[in-house]
């Protein structure tokens, strides 16, 4: 049985992309690794208001991490290769791969990424949209 669409109302025109985005988010993996925070960084005199995604990626180097913008999706991948030459008596820190994706709204821009103390921070900004008001002339059909 399919669920009814919240965007099926006749007054909501052109929102099918939002419905597809919601479906994509619902189907995305709920692995929970790596853990992450999303914070709002307030506007300063020099910087606009930003969003910062911070992922806990302890044990990963810059070379083992990829941050990609694929259309309107921010994808962070981590790949570690298991070092076969090391002999562990106890292994509590797993060498594992991950992929974490964040769906971005139209107009969001990635400012940059930084890796420090095992935390990968990615800053995003949404430029203020220009308010558009336009009069539509009414023509006559004959």
N, C-alpha and C. Protein backbone atom coordinates (compact mmCIF):
# COMPACT_ATOMS: atom_id res chain seq x y z
N UNK A 1 0.84 -1.18 0.00
CA UNK A 1 0.00 0.00 0.00
C UNK A 1 0.88 1.24 0.00
N UNK A 2 0.66 2.14 -0.91
CA UNK A 2 1.46 3.35 -0.98
C UNK A 2 0.85 4.43 -0.09
N UNK A 3 1.74 5.26 0.44
CA UNK A 3 1.26 6.32 1.33
C UNK A 3 0.79 7.50 0.49
N UNK A 4 -0.19 8.23 0.99
CA UNK A 4 -0.64 9.40 0.24
C UNK A 4 0.42 10.50 0.29
N UNK A 5 0.55 11.20 -0.79
CA UNK A 5 1.55 12.25 -0.88
C UNK A 5 1.06 13.53 -0.22
N UNK A 6 1.89 14.15 0.64
CA UNK A 6 1.49 15.43 1.21
C UNK A 6 1.50 16.55 0.17
N UNK A 7 2.12 16.28 -1.00
CA UNK A 7 2.22 17.28 -2.04
C UNK A 7 1.21 17.04 -3.15
N UNK A 8 0.19 16.23 -2.89
CA UNK A 8 -0.81 15.92 -3.90
C UNK A 8 -1.94 16.93 -3.97
N UNK A 9 -1.90 17.93 -3.11
CA UNK A 9 -2.95 18.95 -3.11
C UNK A 9 -2.86 19.78 -4.39
N UNK A 10 -3.98 20.14 -4.99
CA UNK A 10 -3.93 20.87 -6.26
C UNK A 10 -3.32 22.27 -6.16
N UNK A 11 -3.22 22.85 -4.97
CA UNK A 11 -2.59 24.17 -4.83
C UNK A 11 -1.08 24.09 -4.72
N UNK A 12 -0.52 22.91 -4.54
CA UNK A 12 0.92 22.73 -4.42
C UNK A 12 1.46 22.24 -5.77
N UNK A 13 1.86 23.18 -6.60
CA UNK A 13 2.32 22.86 -7.95
C UNK A 13 3.85 22.91 -8.01
N UNK A 14 4.45 21.92 -8.62
CA UNK A 14 5.89 21.90 -8.82
C UNK A 14 6.69 21.47 -7.61
N UNK A 15 6.07 20.81 -6.65
CA UNK A 15 6.78 20.37 -5.45
C UNK A 15 7.19 18.91 -5.52
N UNK A 16 7.16 18.31 -6.70
CA UNK A 16 7.50 16.90 -6.82
C UNK A 16 8.96 16.63 -6.47
N UNK A 17 9.86 17.62 -6.69
CA UNK A 17 11.26 17.44 -6.33
C UNK A 17 11.42 17.33 -4.82
N UNK A 18 10.62 18.08 -4.07
CA UNK A 18 10.69 18.00 -2.61
C UNK A 18 10.24 16.62 -2.15
N UNK A 19 9.21 16.10 -2.76
CA UNK A 19 8.74 14.76 -2.41
C UNK A 19 9.81 13.71 -2.71
N UNK A 20 10.49 13.85 -3.84
CA UNK A 20 11.57 12.92 -4.17
C UNK A 20 12.71 13.03 -3.18
N UNK A 21 13.02 14.26 -2.75
CA UNK A 21 14.09 14.47 -1.77
C UNK A 21 13.72 13.82 -0.44
N UNK A 22 12.47 13.94 -0.01
CA UNK A 22 12.04 13.32 1.23
C UNK A 22 12.13 11.80 1.14
N UNK A 23 11.77 11.25 0.00
CA UNK A 23 11.89 9.80 -0.19
C UNK A 23 13.34 9.36 -0.13
N UNK A 24 14.24 10.15 -0.74
CA UNK A 24 15.67 9.82 -0.73
C UNK A 24 16.23 9.86 0.69
N UNK A 25 15.82 10.85 1.47
CA UNK A 25 16.29 10.95 2.85
C UNK A 25 15.76 9.79 3.68
N UNK A 26 14.51 9.41 3.46
CA UNK A 26 13.92 8.30 4.22
C UNK A 26 14.63 6.98 3.91
N UNK A 27 15.11 6.82 2.69
CA UNK A 27 15.77 5.57 2.29
C UNK A 27 17.25 5.55 2.62
N UNK A 28 17.82 6.70 3.01
CA UNK A 28 19.26 6.74 3.28
C UNK A 28 19.59 5.90 4.50
N UNK A 29 20.82 5.46 4.54
CA UNK A 29 21.25 4.57 5.61
C UNK A 29 21.14 5.23 6.98
N UNK A 30 20.75 4.45 7.96
CA UNK A 30 20.64 4.95 9.33
C UNK A 30 21.73 4.35 10.20
N UNK A 31 22.91 4.14 9.60
CA UNK A 31 24.03 3.51 10.28
C UNK A 31 24.45 4.31 11.51
N UNK A 32 24.45 5.62 11.42
CA UNK A 32 24.84 6.45 12.54
C UNK A 32 26.33 6.66 12.64
N UNK A 33 27.11 6.14 11.70
CA UNK A 33 28.56 6.31 11.72
C UNK A 33 28.99 7.08 10.50
N UNK A 34 29.80 8.06 10.61
CA UNK A 34 30.30 8.64 11.85
C UNK A 34 29.27 9.60 12.47
N UNK A 35 29.42 9.83 13.75
CA UNK A 35 28.54 10.77 14.43
C UNK A 35 28.82 12.18 13.92
N UNK A 36 27.80 13.03 13.95
CA UNK A 36 27.99 14.38 13.41
C UNK A 36 27.12 15.37 14.18
N UNK A 37 27.51 16.63 14.08
CA UNK A 37 26.74 17.76 14.60
C UNK A 37 26.44 18.69 13.44
N UNK A 38 25.33 19.40 13.54
CA UNK A 38 25.03 20.49 12.61
C UNK A 38 24.72 21.70 13.47
N UNK A 39 25.47 22.76 13.27
CA UNK A 39 25.26 23.96 14.09
C UNK A 39 25.09 25.19 13.20
N UNK A 40 24.39 26.15 13.76
CA UNK A 40 24.23 27.44 13.09
C UNK A 40 25.30 28.37 13.65
N UNK A 41 26.13 28.92 12.78
CA UNK A 41 27.18 29.85 13.17
C UNK A 41 26.65 31.26 12.88
N UNK A 42 26.50 32.09 13.93
CA UNK A 42 25.87 33.40 13.72
C UNK A 42 26.67 34.31 12.78
N UNK A 43 25.96 35.24 12.22
CA UNK A 43 26.53 36.24 11.32
C UNK A 43 27.47 37.14 12.12
N UNK A 44 28.59 37.51 11.50
CA UNK A 44 29.51 38.50 12.07
C UNK A 44 29.60 39.65 11.08
N UNK A 45 30.40 40.63 11.41
CA UNK A 45 30.57 41.76 10.49
C UNK A 45 31.25 41.33 9.19
N UNK A 46 32.13 40.31 9.29
CA UNK A 46 32.86 39.85 8.11
C UNK A 46 32.23 38.65 7.42
N UNK A 47 31.47 37.85 8.15
CA UNK A 47 30.95 36.59 7.61
C UNK A 47 29.43 36.54 7.69
N UNK A 48 28.78 35.95 6.67
CA UNK A 48 27.33 35.74 6.76
C UNK A 48 27.01 34.59 7.71
N UNK A 49 25.74 34.44 8.06
CA UNK A 49 25.32 33.29 8.87
C UNK A 49 25.65 32.02 8.09
N UNK A 50 26.19 31.03 8.80
CA UNK A 50 26.60 29.78 8.15
C UNK A 50 26.04 28.59 8.90
N UNK A 51 26.03 27.46 8.23
CA UNK A 51 25.78 26.17 8.87
C UNK A 51 27.11 25.43 8.86
N UNK A 52 27.39 24.73 9.95
CA UNK A 52 28.62 23.94 10.03
C UNK A 52 28.26 22.51 10.37
N UNK A 53 28.68 21.59 9.50
CA UNK A 53 28.54 20.16 9.75
C UNK A 53 29.88 19.68 10.27
N UNK A 54 29.87 19.04 11.43
CA UNK A 54 31.11 18.52 12.02
C UNK A 54 30.96 17.01 12.20
N UNK A 55 31.85 16.25 11.57
CA UNK A 55 31.83 14.80 11.65
C UNK A 55 33.02 14.31 12.48
N UNK A 56 32.78 13.33 13.34
CA UNK A 56 33.83 12.73 14.14
C UNK A 56 34.52 11.65 13.30
N UNK A 57 35.71 11.96 12.81
CA UNK A 57 36.43 11.06 11.91
C UNK A 57 37.82 10.73 12.46
N UNK A 58 37.88 10.47 13.76
CA UNK A 58 39.17 10.15 14.39
C UNK A 58 39.82 8.97 13.68
N UNK A 59 41.12 9.08 13.44
CA UNK A 59 41.86 8.00 12.79
C UNK A 59 41.95 8.14 11.28
N UNK A 60 41.21 9.07 10.69
CA UNK A 60 41.26 9.30 9.24
C UNK A 60 42.20 10.47 8.95
N UNK A 61 42.98 10.33 7.89
CA UNK A 61 43.81 11.44 7.42
C UNK A 61 43.08 12.19 6.31
N UNK A 62 43.60 13.33 5.93
CA UNK A 62 42.99 14.10 4.84
C UNK A 62 42.92 13.27 3.55
N UNK A 63 43.96 12.47 3.32
CA UNK A 63 44.01 11.66 2.10
C UNK A 63 42.97 10.55 2.09
N UNK A 64 42.48 10.16 3.26
CA UNK A 64 41.49 9.08 3.35
C UNK A 64 40.06 9.60 3.34
N UNK A 65 39.89 10.91 3.25
CA UNK A 65 38.56 11.52 3.26
C UNK A 65 38.28 12.21 1.94
N UNK A 66 37.05 12.11 1.47
CA UNK A 66 36.59 12.81 0.27
C UNK A 66 35.33 13.58 0.63
N UNK A 67 35.30 14.84 0.27
CA UNK A 67 34.10 15.65 0.41
C UNK A 67 33.71 16.08 -1.00
N UNK A 68 32.54 15.64 -1.44
CA UNK A 68 32.10 15.88 -2.81
C UNK A 68 30.73 16.54 -2.80
N UNK A 69 30.51 17.42 -3.74
CA UNK A 69 29.19 18.00 -3.97
C UNK A 69 28.68 17.38 -5.26
N UNK A 70 27.66 16.55 -5.14
CA UNK A 70 27.07 15.85 -6.28
C UNK A 70 25.67 16.38 -6.47
N UNK A 71 25.52 17.29 -7.43
CA UNK A 71 24.28 18.02 -7.66
C UNK A 71 23.91 18.75 -6.37
N UNK A 72 22.82 18.41 -5.71
CA UNK A 72 22.45 19.13 -4.48
C UNK A 72 22.67 18.24 -3.25
N UNK A 73 23.62 17.33 -3.35
CA UNK A 73 23.90 16.43 -2.25
C UNK A 73 25.38 16.54 -1.86
N UNK A 74 25.63 16.79 -0.58
CA UNK A 74 26.99 16.81 -0.04
C UNK A 74 27.29 15.40 0.46
N UNK A 75 28.33 14.79 -0.11
CA UNK A 75 28.68 13.41 0.22
C UNK A 75 30.07 13.40 0.83
N UNK A 76 30.18 12.81 2.02
CA UNK A 76 31.46 12.66 2.70
C UNK A 76 31.77 11.17 2.76
N UNK A 77 32.94 10.79 2.24
CA UNK A 77 33.36 9.38 2.24
C UNK A 77 34.69 9.26 2.97
N UNK A 78 34.81 8.18 3.71
CA UNK A 78 36.07 7.86 4.36
C UNK A 78 36.48 6.46 4.02
N UNK A 79 37.75 6.29 3.63
CA UNK A 79 38.25 4.96 3.26
C UNK A 79 39.57 4.72 3.98
N UNK A 80 39.61 3.69 4.79
CA UNK A 80 40.85 3.29 5.45
C UNK A 80 41.21 1.90 4.96
N UNK A 81 42.50 1.67 4.76
CA UNK A 81 42.99 0.37 4.35
C UNK A 81 43.55 -0.31 5.59
N UNK A 82 43.15 -1.54 5.82
CA UNK A 82 43.62 -2.30 6.97
C UNK A 82 45.11 -2.61 6.79
N UNK A 83 45.91 -2.21 7.77
CA UNK A 83 47.35 -2.42 7.73
C UNK A 83 47.65 -3.85 8.18
N UNK A 84 47.99 -4.72 7.24
CA UNK A 84 48.21 -6.15 7.53
C UNK A 84 49.54 -6.39 8.28
N UNK A 85 50.45 -5.42 8.27
CA UNK A 85 51.74 -5.61 8.91
C UNK A 85 51.67 -5.42 10.42
N UNK A 86 50.61 -4.81 10.90
CA UNK A 86 50.49 -4.56 12.34
C UNK A 86 49.79 -5.74 13.00
N UNK A 87 50.26 -6.10 14.18
CA UNK A 87 49.67 -7.20 14.95
C UNK A 87 49.04 -6.62 16.21
N UNK A 88 47.73 -6.66 16.28
CA UNK A 88 47.01 -6.08 17.40
C UNK A 88 46.73 -7.14 18.46
N UNK A 89 46.96 -6.81 19.72
CA UNK A 89 46.56 -7.67 20.83
C UNK A 89 45.09 -7.42 21.14
N UNK A 90 44.67 -6.20 20.94
CA UNK A 90 43.25 -5.83 21.08
C UNK A 90 42.97 -4.79 20.02
N UNK A 91 41.86 -4.94 19.34
CA UNK A 91 41.49 -3.98 18.28
C UNK A 91 40.13 -3.41 18.59
N UNK A 92 40.11 -2.23 19.19
CA UNK A 92 38.85 -1.56 19.51
C UNK A 92 38.52 -0.45 18.55
N UNK A 93 39.51 -0.03 17.75
CA UNK A 93 39.30 1.02 16.75
C UNK A 93 39.30 0.35 15.38
N UNK A 94 38.14 0.23 14.82
CA UNK A 94 38.02 -0.48 13.54
C UNK A 94 38.44 0.41 12.38
N UNK A 95 39.07 -0.20 11.40
CA UNK A 95 39.36 0.48 10.14
C UNK A 95 38.16 0.22 9.25
N UNK A 96 37.27 1.20 9.17
CA UNK A 96 36.06 0.96 8.40
C UNK A 96 35.82 2.11 7.45
N UNK A 97 35.09 1.82 6.42
CA UNK A 97 34.72 2.81 5.43
C UNK A 97 33.36 3.38 5.80
N UNK A 98 33.10 4.59 5.33
CA UNK A 98 31.78 5.17 5.56
C UNK A 98 31.43 6.11 4.42
N UNK A 99 30.16 6.35 4.32
CA UNK A 99 29.64 7.37 3.42
C UNK A 99 28.47 8.03 4.13
N UNK A 100 28.50 9.33 4.21
CA UNK A 100 27.43 10.10 4.85
C UNK A 100 27.01 11.17 3.85
N UNK A 101 25.71 11.27 3.58
CA UNK A 101 25.21 12.22 2.60
C UNK A 101 24.24 13.20 3.26
N UNK A 102 24.32 14.44 2.84
CA UNK A 102 23.43 15.50 3.31
C UNK A 102 22.79 16.14 2.09
N UNK A 103 21.49 16.20 2.08
CA UNK A 103 20.75 16.81 0.97
C UNK A 103 20.68 18.31 1.22
N UNK A 104 21.15 19.10 0.26
CA UNK A 104 21.21 20.55 0.40
C UNK A 104 20.08 21.21 -0.36
N UNK A 105 19.54 22.27 0.21
CA UNK A 105 18.51 23.05 -0.47
C UNK A 105 19.13 23.80 -1.64
N UNK A 106 18.30 24.15 -2.61
CA UNK A 106 18.78 24.93 -3.74
C UNK A 106 19.40 26.23 -3.23
N UNK A 107 20.54 26.59 -3.81
CA UNK A 107 21.20 27.83 -3.44
C UNK A 107 22.25 27.67 -2.35
N UNK A 108 22.28 26.53 -1.65
CA UNK A 108 23.30 26.33 -0.62
C UNK A 108 24.67 26.21 -1.27
N UNK A 109 25.66 26.84 -0.66
CA UNK A 109 27.02 26.79 -1.18
C UNK A 109 27.94 26.23 -0.11
N UNK A 110 28.90 25.41 -0.53
CA UNK A 110 29.90 24.87 0.38
C UNK A 110 31.07 25.85 0.38
N UNK A 111 31.38 26.41 1.57
CA UNK A 111 32.47 27.37 1.69
C UNK A 111 33.82 26.67 1.78
N UNK A 112 33.86 25.51 2.45
CA UNK A 112 35.12 24.81 2.59
C UNK A 112 35.03 23.76 3.68
N UNK A 113 36.13 23.00 3.82
CA UNK A 113 36.20 21.94 4.82
C UNK A 113 37.54 22.02 5.52
N UNK A 114 37.55 21.56 6.79
CA UNK A 114 38.75 21.62 7.60
C UNK A 114 38.80 20.37 8.49
N UNK A 115 39.98 19.76 8.62
CA UNK A 115 40.18 18.60 9.48
C UNK A 115 41.11 19.00 10.61
N UNK A 116 40.63 18.89 11.85
CA UNK A 116 41.44 19.26 13.00
C UNK A 116 41.03 18.42 14.20
N UNK A 117 42.02 17.79 14.85
CA UNK A 117 41.79 17.00 16.06
C UNK A 117 40.72 15.91 15.86
N UNK A 118 40.71 15.26 14.71
CA UNK A 118 39.78 14.18 14.46
C UNK A 118 38.37 14.62 14.11
N UNK A 119 38.17 15.92 13.88
CA UNK A 119 36.86 16.46 13.52
C UNK A 119 36.94 17.11 12.14
N UNK A 120 36.07 16.67 11.25
CA UNK A 120 35.97 17.25 9.92
C UNK A 120 34.82 18.25 9.94
N UNK A 121 35.13 19.52 9.71
CA UNK A 121 34.11 20.57 9.70
C UNK A 121 33.91 21.07 8.28
N UNK A 122 32.65 21.18 7.89
CA UNK A 122 32.29 21.66 6.56
C UNK A 122 31.34 22.83 6.75
N UNK A 123 31.72 24.00 6.21
CA UNK A 123 30.89 25.19 6.34
C UNK A 123 30.06 25.41 5.09
N UNK A 124 28.79 25.74 5.32
CA UNK A 124 27.83 25.98 4.24
C UNK A 124 27.21 27.35 4.45
N UNK A 125 26.80 27.96 3.36
CA UNK A 125 26.10 29.24 3.44
C UNK A 125 24.98 29.25 2.41
N UNK A 126 23.91 29.93 2.77
CA UNK A 126 22.82 30.13 1.82
C UNK A 126 22.73 31.63 1.58
N UNK A 127 23.10 32.07 0.39
CA UNK A 127 23.01 33.50 0.10
C UNK A 127 21.56 33.97 0.24
N UNK A 128 21.40 35.19 0.71
CA UNK A 128 20.06 35.75 0.85
C UNK A 128 19.40 35.83 -0.52
N UNK A 129 18.23 35.21 -0.66
CA UNK A 129 17.56 35.27 -1.97
C UNK A 129 17.03 36.68 -2.24
N UNK A 130 17.06 37.02 -3.49
CA UNK A 130 16.52 38.32 -3.89
C UNK A 130 15.00 38.22 -3.91
N UNK A 131 14.36 39.16 -3.25
CA UNK A 131 12.89 39.17 -3.21
C UNK A 131 12.39 39.69 -4.56
N UNK A 132 11.56 38.90 -5.20
CA UNK A 132 11.06 39.26 -6.52
C UNK A 132 9.55 39.44 -6.44
N UNK A 133 9.11 40.61 -6.82
CA UNK A 133 7.68 40.88 -6.95
C UNK A 133 7.50 41.37 -8.38
N UNK A 134 6.60 40.73 -9.09
CA UNK A 134 6.42 41.07 -10.50
C UNK A 134 4.94 41.09 -10.82
N UNK A 135 4.53 42.12 -11.48
CA UNK A 135 3.14 42.22 -11.90
C UNK A 135 2.96 41.44 -13.20
N UNK A 136 1.91 40.65 -13.26
CA UNK A 136 1.59 39.85 -14.45
C UNK A 136 0.46 40.55 -15.16
N UNK A 137 0.76 40.97 -16.39
CA UNK A 137 -0.28 41.63 -17.18
C UNK A 137 -1.32 40.60 -17.63
N UNK A 138 -2.55 41.04 -17.63
CA UNK A 138 -3.65 40.17 -18.06
C UNK A 138 -4.00 40.53 -19.49
N UNK A 139 -3.84 39.54 -20.36
CA UNK A 139 -4.15 39.76 -21.77
C UNK A 139 -5.58 39.31 -22.07
N UNK A 140 -6.00 39.60 -23.29
CA UNK A 140 -7.34 39.18 -23.73
C UNK A 140 -7.17 38.20 -24.88
N UNK A 141 -7.87 37.10 -24.79
CA UNK A 141 -7.86 36.11 -25.89
C UNK A 141 -9.04 36.40 -26.80
N UNK A 142 -8.78 36.26 -28.04
CA UNK A 142 -9.89 36.49 -28.98
C UNK A 142 -10.13 35.33 -29.85
